[in-house]
N, C-alpha and C. Protein backbone atom coordinates (compact mmCIF):
# COMPACT_ATOMS: atom_id res chain seq x y z
N UNK A 1 0.83 -1.18 0.00
CA UNK A 1 0.00 0.00 0.00
C UNK A 1 0.88 1.24 0.00
N UNK A 2 0.50 2.21 -0.79
CA UNK A 2 1.27 3.45 -0.90
C UNK A 2 0.98 4.36 0.29
N UNK A 3 1.90 5.20 0.57
CA UNK A 3 1.80 6.15 1.67
C UNK A 3 1.70 7.55 1.08
N UNK A 4 0.48 7.95 0.67
CA UNK A 4 0.30 9.24 0.02
C UNK A 4 -1.08 9.81 0.33
N UNK A 5 -1.21 11.11 0.11
CA UNK A 5 -2.48 11.82 0.26
C UNK A 5 -2.78 12.57 -1.02
N UNK A 6 -4.06 12.67 -1.35
CA UNK A 6 -4.48 13.41 -2.54
C UNK A 6 -5.53 14.44 -2.09
N UNK A 7 -5.35 15.67 -2.54
CA UNK A 7 -6.29 16.73 -2.23
C UNK A 7 -6.76 17.34 -3.55
N UNK A 8 -8.09 17.46 -3.70
CA UNK A 8 -8.68 18.05 -4.90
C UNK A 8 -9.23 19.42 -4.54
N UNK A 9 -8.82 20.45 -5.28
CA UNK A 9 -9.36 21.80 -5.09
C UNK A 9 -9.67 22.39 -6.45
N UNK A 10 -10.59 23.34 -6.46
CA UNK A 10 -10.96 24.04 -7.69
C UNK A 10 -10.45 25.46 -7.64
N UNK A 11 -10.01 25.96 -8.78
CA UNK A 11 -9.67 27.37 -8.94
C UNK A 11 -10.50 27.88 -10.11
N UNK A 12 -11.51 28.68 -9.80
CA UNK A 12 -12.40 29.21 -10.83
C UNK A 12 -12.03 30.64 -11.22
N UNK A 13 -10.84 31.10 -10.83
CA UNK A 13 -10.43 32.47 -11.15
C UNK A 13 -9.89 32.60 -12.57
N UNK A 14 -9.85 31.51 -13.29
CA UNK A 14 -9.34 31.52 -14.66
C UNK A 14 -10.48 31.37 -15.65
N UNK A 15 -10.21 31.74 -16.88
CA UNK A 15 -11.21 31.58 -17.93
C UNK A 15 -11.64 30.12 -18.05
N UNK A 16 -10.68 29.20 -17.92
CA UNK A 16 -10.99 27.77 -17.87
C UNK A 16 -10.65 27.31 -16.45
N UNK A 17 -11.64 26.83 -15.69
CA UNK A 17 -11.38 26.43 -14.30
C UNK A 17 -10.31 25.34 -14.22
N UNK A 18 -9.60 25.34 -13.10
CA UNK A 18 -8.57 24.34 -12.85
C UNK A 18 -9.02 23.41 -11.74
N UNK A 19 -8.90 22.12 -11.98
CA UNK A 19 -9.02 21.12 -10.93
C UNK A 19 -7.59 20.82 -10.50
N UNK A 20 -7.24 21.24 -9.31
CA UNK A 20 -5.86 21.07 -8.83
C UNK A 20 -5.81 19.82 -7.97
N UNK A 21 -5.00 18.86 -8.41
CA UNK A 21 -4.82 17.59 -7.72
C UNK A 21 -3.44 17.63 -7.07
N UNK A 22 -3.42 17.85 -5.76
CA UNK A 22 -2.16 17.94 -5.03
C UNK A 22 -1.90 16.59 -4.37
N UNK A 23 -0.74 16.02 -4.71
CA UNK A 23 -0.38 14.71 -4.20
C UNK A 23 0.85 14.88 -3.31
N UNK A 24 0.80 14.26 -2.14
CA UNK A 24 1.97 14.30 -1.27
C UNK A 24 2.21 12.90 -0.70
N UNK A 25 3.48 12.59 -0.50
CA UNK A 25 3.84 11.29 0.04
C UNK A 25 4.60 10.44 -0.95
N UNK A 26 4.60 9.14 -0.70
CA UNK A 26 5.35 8.19 -1.53
C UNK A 26 4.39 7.42 -2.43
N UNK A 27 4.49 7.69 -3.72
CA UNK A 27 3.63 7.00 -4.70
C UNK A 27 4.25 5.72 -5.21
N UNK A 28 5.55 5.67 -5.27
CA UNK A 28 6.22 4.59 -5.99
C UNK A 28 6.21 3.25 -5.26
N UNK A 29 5.72 3.22 -4.03
CA UNK A 29 5.61 1.94 -3.34
C UNK A 29 4.44 1.12 -3.87
N UNK A 30 3.56 1.75 -4.64
CA UNK A 30 2.41 1.09 -5.24
C UNK A 30 2.25 1.64 -6.66
N UNK A 31 2.68 0.90 -7.67
CA UNK A 31 2.64 1.39 -9.04
C UNK A 31 1.22 1.56 -9.58
N UNK A 32 0.21 1.10 -8.85
CA UNK A 32 -1.17 1.34 -9.30
C UNK A 32 -1.69 2.68 -8.76
N UNK A 33 -0.94 3.34 -7.89
CA UNK A 33 -1.40 4.60 -7.29
C UNK A 33 -1.50 5.71 -8.33
N UNK A 34 -0.49 5.87 -9.15
CA UNK A 34 -0.46 6.95 -10.13
C UNK A 34 -1.61 6.85 -11.13
N UNK A 35 -1.83 5.70 -11.76
CA UNK A 35 -2.98 5.64 -12.68
C UNK A 35 -4.32 5.80 -11.96
N UNK A 36 -4.40 5.36 -10.72
CA UNK A 36 -5.63 5.52 -9.95
C UNK A 36 -5.91 7.00 -9.70
N UNK A 37 -4.88 7.76 -9.38
CA UNK A 37 -5.03 9.20 -9.14
C UNK A 37 -5.47 9.91 -10.41
N UNK A 38 -4.87 9.57 -11.53
CA UNK A 38 -5.23 10.19 -12.81
C UNK A 38 -6.67 9.85 -13.17
N UNK A 39 -7.03 8.58 -13.07
CA UNK A 39 -8.40 8.17 -13.39
C UNK A 39 -9.41 8.85 -12.47
N UNK A 40 -9.08 8.98 -11.19
CA UNK A 40 -9.99 9.62 -10.24
C UNK A 40 -10.17 11.10 -10.57
N UNK A 41 -9.10 11.77 -10.98
CA UNK A 41 -9.22 13.19 -11.35
C UNK A 41 -10.17 13.36 -12.54
N UNK A 42 -10.08 12.48 -13.50
CA UNK A 42 -10.99 12.54 -14.64
C UNK A 42 -12.42 12.21 -14.22
N UNK A 43 -12.59 11.33 -13.26
CA UNK A 43 -13.93 11.03 -12.74
C UNK A 43 -14.50 12.24 -12.01
N UNK A 44 -13.68 12.95 -11.25
CA UNK A 44 -14.13 14.17 -10.57
C UNK A 44 -14.54 15.21 -11.62
N UNK A 45 -13.76 15.33 -12.68
CA UNK A 45 -14.10 16.27 -13.76
C UNK A 45 -15.45 15.92 -14.37
N UNK A 46 -15.73 14.66 -14.53
CA UNK A 46 -17.01 14.23 -15.11
C UNK A 46 -18.18 14.52 -14.18
N UNK A 47 -17.96 14.51 -12.89
CA UNK A 47 -19.04 14.74 -11.92
C UNK A 47 -19.49 16.19 -11.89
N UNK A 48 -18.63 17.10 -12.28
CA UNK A 48 -18.96 18.52 -12.22
C UNK A 48 -19.51 18.96 -13.57
N UNK A 49 -20.80 18.69 -13.76
CA UNK A 49 -21.43 18.93 -15.06
C UNK A 49 -21.62 20.41 -15.37
N UNK A 50 -21.46 21.28 -14.37
CA UNK A 50 -21.58 22.72 -14.65
C UNK A 50 -20.34 23.25 -15.36
N UNK A 51 -19.32 22.45 -15.48
CA UNK A 51 -18.09 22.86 -16.14
C UNK A 51 -17.92 22.05 -17.44
N UNK A 52 -18.11 22.73 -18.57
CA UNK A 52 -17.97 22.05 -19.85
C UNK A 52 -16.52 21.85 -20.26
N UNK A 53 -15.67 22.78 -19.84
CA UNK A 53 -14.25 22.70 -20.18
C UNK A 53 -13.44 23.07 -18.95
N UNK A 54 -12.45 22.26 -18.65
CA UNK A 54 -11.58 22.52 -17.52
C UNK A 54 -10.20 21.96 -17.77
N UNK A 55 -9.27 22.40 -16.96
CA UNK A 55 -7.91 21.87 -17.02
C UNK A 55 -7.61 21.19 -15.70
N UNK A 56 -6.81 20.15 -15.75
CA UNK A 56 -6.38 19.46 -14.54
C UNK A 56 -4.92 19.81 -14.29
N UNK A 57 -4.62 20.15 -13.05
CA UNK A 57 -3.24 20.38 -12.62
C UNK A 57 -2.88 19.25 -11.67
N UNK A 58 -1.85 18.51 -12.01
CA UNK A 58 -1.33 17.48 -11.11
C UNK A 58 -0.08 18.05 -10.46
N UNK A 59 -0.11 18.26 -9.16
CA UNK A 59 1.04 18.79 -8.44
C UNK A 59 1.73 17.64 -7.71
N UNK A 60 2.85 17.19 -8.29
CA UNK A 60 3.63 16.09 -7.72
C UNK A 60 4.86 16.58 -6.98
N UNK A 61 4.93 17.87 -6.67
CA UNK A 61 6.15 18.43 -6.09
C UNK A 61 6.41 17.92 -4.66
N UNK A 62 5.41 17.32 -4.02
CA UNK A 62 5.58 16.79 -2.66
C UNK A 62 5.67 15.26 -2.65
N UNK A 63 6.06 14.69 -3.79
CA UNK A 63 6.22 13.24 -3.91
C UNK A 63 7.66 12.95 -4.32
N UNK A 64 7.92 11.74 -4.76
CA UNK A 64 9.25 11.39 -5.26
C UNK A 64 9.57 12.12 -6.57
N UNK A 65 8.57 12.75 -7.15
CA UNK A 65 8.70 13.53 -8.38
C UNK A 65 9.06 12.67 -9.58
N UNK A 66 8.64 11.41 -9.55
CA UNK A 66 8.90 10.52 -10.67
C UNK A 66 7.58 10.05 -11.26
N UNK A 67 7.56 9.91 -12.59
CA UNK A 67 6.38 9.48 -13.32
C UNK A 67 6.76 8.27 -14.18
N UNK A 68 6.76 7.08 -13.61
CA UNK A 68 7.16 5.90 -14.38
C UNK A 68 6.20 5.61 -15.53
N UNK A 69 6.76 5.37 -16.69
CA UNK A 69 5.95 5.11 -17.88
C UNK A 69 5.04 3.91 -17.68
N UNK A 70 5.55 2.83 -17.08
CA UNK A 70 4.71 1.64 -16.91
C UNK A 70 3.49 1.94 -16.04
N UNK A 71 3.62 2.82 -15.06
CA UNK A 71 2.47 3.19 -14.24
C UNK A 71 1.53 4.10 -15.02
N UNK A 72 2.07 5.07 -15.74
CA UNK A 72 1.24 5.99 -16.52
C UNK A 72 0.41 5.26 -17.56
N UNK A 73 0.97 4.21 -18.14
CA UNK A 73 0.26 3.48 -19.20
C UNK A 73 -0.96 2.71 -18.66
N UNK A 74 -1.07 2.57 -17.35
CA UNK A 74 -2.19 1.84 -16.77
C UNK A 74 -3.42 2.71 -16.55
N UNK A 75 -3.31 4.00 -16.81
CA UNK A 75 -4.49 4.86 -16.65
C UNK A 75 -5.50 4.51 -17.71
N UNK A 76 -6.80 4.64 -17.38
CA UNK A 76 -7.83 4.16 -18.31
C UNK A 76 -8.91 5.19 -18.61
N UNK A 77 -9.18 6.11 -17.72
CA UNK A 77 -10.34 6.99 -17.84
C UNK A 77 -9.93 8.35 -18.40
N UNK A 78 -10.70 8.84 -19.38
CA UNK A 78 -10.47 10.18 -19.93
C UNK A 78 -11.80 10.91 -19.97
N UNK A 79 -11.83 12.10 -19.38
CA UNK A 79 -13.03 12.92 -19.40
C UNK A 79 -13.00 13.84 -20.62
N UNK A 80 -14.11 13.94 -21.32
CA UNK A 80 -14.21 14.84 -22.47
C UNK A 80 -14.18 16.30 -22.04
N UNK A 81 -14.44 16.57 -20.76
CA UNK A 81 -14.41 17.94 -20.25
C UNK A 81 -12.99 18.48 -20.11
N UNK A 82 -12.02 17.60 -20.01
CA UNK A 82 -10.63 18.02 -19.81
C UNK A 82 -10.06 18.51 -21.13
N UNK A 83 -9.62 19.77 -21.13
CA UNK A 83 -9.08 20.39 -22.34
C UNK A 83 -7.58 20.65 -22.26
N UNK A 84 -7.00 20.50 -21.07
CA UNK A 84 -5.55 20.68 -20.89
C UNK A 84 -5.15 20.03 -19.58
N UNK A 85 -3.90 19.60 -19.53
CA UNK A 85 -3.32 19.07 -18.29
C UNK A 85 -2.00 19.76 -18.06
N UNK A 86 -1.80 20.17 -16.81
CA UNK A 86 -0.54 20.79 -16.39
C UNK A 86 0.06 19.91 -15.30
N UNK A 87 1.32 19.55 -15.47
CA UNK A 87 2.02 18.71 -14.49
C UNK A 87 3.04 19.59 -13.79
N UNK A 88 2.93 19.69 -12.49
CA UNK A 88 3.84 20.48 -11.67
C UNK A 88 4.74 19.54 -10.90
N UNK A 89 6.03 19.80 -10.98
CA UNK A 89 6.97 19.07 -10.15
C UNK A 89 7.47 17.75 -10.71
N UNK A 90 7.42 17.55 -12.03
CA UNK A 90 8.03 16.34 -12.59
C UNK A 90 9.53 16.40 -12.31
N UNK A 91 10.11 15.28 -11.96
CA UNK A 91 11.49 15.26 -11.50
C UNK A 91 12.55 15.49 -12.56
N UNK A 92 12.27 15.10 -13.79
CA UNK A 92 13.29 15.19 -14.82
C UNK A 92 12.65 15.18 -16.20
N UNK A 93 13.48 15.39 -17.20
CA UNK A 93 13.01 15.30 -18.59
C UNK A 93 12.52 13.89 -18.90
N UNK A 94 13.14 12.90 -18.27
CA UNK A 94 12.72 11.52 -18.47
C UNK A 94 11.26 11.34 -18.03
N UNK A 95 10.90 11.94 -16.91
CA UNK A 95 9.53 11.85 -16.42
C UNK A 95 8.57 12.61 -17.34
N UNK A 96 9.00 13.76 -17.82
CA UNK A 96 8.18 14.51 -18.77
C UNK A 96 7.97 13.70 -20.05
N UNK A 97 9.03 13.07 -20.53
CA UNK A 97 8.91 12.24 -21.74
C UNK A 97 7.97 11.06 -21.50
N UNK A 98 8.01 10.48 -20.32
CA UNK A 98 7.10 9.36 -20.01
C UNK A 98 5.65 9.83 -20.12
N UNK A 99 5.36 11.01 -19.59
CA UNK A 99 3.99 11.53 -19.67
C UNK A 99 3.60 11.81 -21.12
N UNK A 100 4.52 12.35 -21.91
CA UNK A 100 4.22 12.63 -23.31
C UNK A 100 4.06 11.35 -24.13
N UNK A 101 4.87 10.35 -23.85
CA UNK A 101 4.73 9.06 -24.53
C UNK A 101 3.38 8.44 -24.20
N UNK A 102 3.00 8.48 -22.92
CA UNK A 102 1.69 7.95 -22.54
C UNK A 102 0.58 8.71 -23.26
N UNK A 103 0.71 10.03 -23.34
CA UNK A 103 -0.32 10.85 -24.00
C UNK A 103 -0.48 10.44 -25.46
N UNK A 104 0.65 10.24 -26.13
CA UNK A 104 0.59 9.83 -27.53
C UNK A 104 0.04 8.41 -27.67
N UNK A 105 0.51 7.51 -26.83
CA UNK A 105 0.07 6.11 -26.92
C UNK A 105 -1.42 5.97 -26.59
N UNK A 106 -1.90 6.74 -25.63
CA UNK A 106 -3.31 6.68 -25.24
C UNK A 106 -4.18 7.61 -26.08
N UNK A 107 -3.54 8.37 -26.97
CA UNK A 107 -4.23 9.29 -27.88
C UNK A 107 -5.13 10.28 -27.15
N UNK A 108 -4.57 10.88 -26.11
CA UNK A 108 -5.35 11.88 -25.40
C UNK A 108 -5.49 13.11 -26.29
N UNK A 109 -6.61 13.79 -26.15
CA UNK A 109 -6.93 14.89 -27.07
C UNK A 109 -6.55 16.26 -26.53
N UNK A 110 -5.91 16.33 -25.40
CA UNK A 110 -5.55 17.60 -24.80
C UNK A 110 -4.03 17.72 -24.68
N UNK A 111 -3.52 18.95 -24.64
CA UNK A 111 -2.08 19.13 -24.46
C UNK A 111 -1.67 18.88 -23.01
N UNK A 112 -0.44 18.45 -22.82
CA UNK A 112 0.15 18.27 -21.49
C UNK A 112 1.35 19.19 -21.42
N UNK A 113 1.37 20.06 -20.40
CA UNK A 113 2.47 21.00 -20.21
C UNK A 113 3.06 20.79 -18.83
N UNK A 114 4.35 21.16 -18.68
CA UNK A 114 5.08 20.92 -17.45
C UNK A 114 5.59 22.23 -16.87
N UNK A 115 5.52 22.32 -15.54
CA UNK A 115 5.99 23.50 -14.82
C UNK A 115 6.70 23.05 -13.56
N UNK A 116 7.77 23.77 -13.18
CA UNK A 116 8.49 23.37 -11.96
C UNK A 116 7.69 23.64 -10.68
N UNK A 117 6.89 24.73 -10.67
CA UNK A 117 6.11 25.08 -9.48
C UNK A 117 4.73 25.60 -9.90
N UNK A 118 3.82 25.63 -8.94
CA UNK A 118 2.50 26.22 -9.20
C UNK A 118 2.63 27.70 -9.54
N UNK A 119 3.56 28.40 -8.90
CA UNK A 119 3.78 29.82 -9.21
C UNK A 119 4.16 30.00 -10.67
N UNK A 120 5.01 29.12 -11.18
CA UNK A 120 5.40 29.20 -12.60
C UNK A 120 4.20 28.96 -13.51
N UNK A 121 3.34 28.02 -13.14
CA UNK A 121 2.13 27.77 -13.93
C UNK A 121 1.25 29.01 -13.95
N UNK A 122 0.99 29.60 -12.78
CA UNK A 122 0.14 30.78 -12.73
C UNK A 122 0.76 31.96 -13.48
N UNK A 123 2.08 32.09 -13.44
CA UNK A 123 2.74 33.16 -14.20
C UNK A 123 2.52 32.95 -15.70
N UNK A 124 2.62 31.72 -16.16
CA UNK A 124 2.39 31.42 -17.57
C UNK A 124 0.94 31.68 -17.95
N UNK A 125 0.02 31.32 -17.09
CA UNK A 125 -1.40 31.56 -17.38
C UNK A 125 -1.70 33.05 -17.39
N UNK A 126 -1.08 33.81 -16.49
CA UNK A 126 -1.26 35.28 -16.49
C UNK A 126 -0.72 35.86 -17.80
N UNK A 127 0.41 35.36 -18.24
CA UNK A 127 1.01 35.87 -19.49
C UNK A 127 0.11 35.58 -20.69
N UNK A 128 -0.66 34.51 -20.62
CA UNK A 128 -1.58 34.15 -21.70
C UNK A 128 -2.94 34.82 -21.51
N UNK A 129 -3.06 35.67 -20.50
CA UNK A 129 -4.34 36.32 -20.18
C UNK A 129 -5.44 35.30 -19.91
N UNK A 130 -5.08 34.19 -19.29
CA UNK A 130 -6.07 33.16 -18.98
C UNK A 130 -6.84 33.46 -17.71
N UNK A 131 -6.37 34.45 -16.93
CA UNK A 131 -7.09 34.83 -15.71
C UNK A 131 -8.30 35.66 -16.07
N UNK A 132 -9.36 35.53 -15.30
CA UNK A 132 -10.57 36.33 -15.52
C UNK A 132 -10.36 37.75 -15.13
């Protein structure tokens, strides 16, 4: 069993709301944890029918900061409401490449972008005038 916590919060201050999934602890002790977290985030997105388009932010900065490809490939659920994914705190280019390979292999229809911190993500969104 993995030793981790997941917190889901919404940020509606942007033109496209963000579902922020903050993960803390050790994920790698259970390789089914990462795909379970991703699938659950998409399930949460599906439950909020008042939001036709949203972005998911996965904040892994409080974990081992690794995204193993074999774990990512086990994710199964994709919400049509998700229009972008932002990954915060990926440990290396190798982890970023794993996420991009999974995206291509699973044929996800949204872009995946990477940021070192949540502050960097918000700065990029401000520069794009994505804030309301």
